[in-house]
Amino acid sequence: MSRLAERITDLSLKDDLQEAIDDALRTCGGDPRTAIGALILGQRSLQEAYADRISAGYVRRDLFK
């Protein structure tokens, strides 16, 4: 995960969505493309981390075959 993605995913969880958005943008110097990119990278890293921890026994296989 990039350092910027880490900084954004480490922001405190807030009940006020607008305030959380402002924090993410402020962390990225006000650039919305950078903020979105960092959030996507952070989300991807979290998904990969969880995928490694999920037991194959809990994953349905061949669901649509």
Protein backbone atom coordinates (compact mmCIF):
# COMPACT_ATOMS: atom_id res chain seq x y z
CA MET A 1 0.00 0.00 0.00
CA SER A 2 1.29 3.46 -0.78
CA ARG A 3 2.14 5.87 2.01
CA LEU A 4 -0.69 8.17 0.91
CA ALA A 5 -3.18 5.30 0.91
CA GLU A 6 -2.01 4.38 4.40
CA ARG A 7 -2.48 7.97 5.58
CA ILE A 8 -6.02 8.08 4.19
CA THR A 9 -7.09 4.68 5.48
CA ASP A 10 -5.67 5.63 8.89
CA LEU A 11 -7.94 8.69 9.16
CA SER A 12 -10.35 8.47 12.05
CA LEU A 13 -13.84 7.23 11.30
CA LYS A 14 -16.30 10.06 11.53
CA ASP A 15 -20.07 10.07 11.71
CA ASP A 16 -20.12 13.16 9.51
CA LEU A 17 -19.42 12.03 5.94
CA GLN A 18 -18.66 15.56 4.72
CA GLU A 19 -16.04 16.01 7.43
CA ALA A 20 -14.45 12.66 6.53
CA ILE A 21 -14.35 13.70 2.86
CA ASP A 22 -12.75 17.02 3.80
CA ASP A 23 -10.11 15.15 5.86
CA ALA A 24 -9.28 12.85 2.93
CA LEU A 25 -8.98 15.79 0.54
CA ARG A 26 -6.88 17.77 3.00
CA THR A 27 -4.55 14.78 3.40
CA CYS A 28 -4.07 14.77 -0.39
CA GLY A 29 -3.41 18.49 -0.65
CA GLY A 30 -6.89 19.19 -2.02
CA ASP A 31 -6.48 17.06 -5.16
CA PRO A 32 -9.62 14.90 -5.58
CA ARG A 33 -8.00 12.54 -8.13
CA THR A 34 -5.17 11.81 -5.74
CA ALA A 35 -7.63 11.24 -2.89
CA ILE A 36 -9.74 8.85 -4.96
CA GLY A 37 -6.64 6.98 -6.15
CA ALA A 38 -5.35 6.62 -2.61
CA LEU A 39 -8.74 5.36 -1.41
CA ILE A 40 -8.84 2.79 -4.23
CA LEU A 41 -5.32 1.58 -3.42
CA GLY A 42 -6.18 1.38 0.27
CA GLN A 43 -9.37 -0.56 -0.44
CA ARG A 44 -7.50 -2.96 -2.73
CA SER A 45 -4.87 -3.57 -0.06
CA LEU A 46 -7.53 -4.25 2.56
CA GLN A 47 -9.34 -6.67 0.24
CA GLU A 48 -6.12 -8.56 -0.44
CA ALA A 49 -5.32 -8.72 3.28
CA TYR A 50 -8.78 -10.11 4.08
CA ALA A 51 -8.66 -12.58 1.18
CA ASP A 52 -5.50 -14.06 2.63
CA ARG A 53 -7.21 -14.59 5.99
CA ILE A 54 -10.47 -16.14 4.78
CA SER A 55 -10.50 -19.90 4.93
CA ALA A 56 -11.19 -21.64 1.64
CA GLY A 57 -13.81 -23.68 3.52
CA TYR A 58 -15.96 -20.58 3.83
CA VAL A 59 -15.73 -19.60 0.18
CA ARG A 60 -18.34 -21.01 -2.18
CA ARG A 61 -16.69 -22.46 -5.24
CA ASP A 62 -18.14 -23.19 -8.67
CA LEU A 63 -21.30 -21.25 -7.84
CA PHE A 64 -22.20 -20.48 -11.44
CA LYS A 65 -20.90 -23.59 -13.21
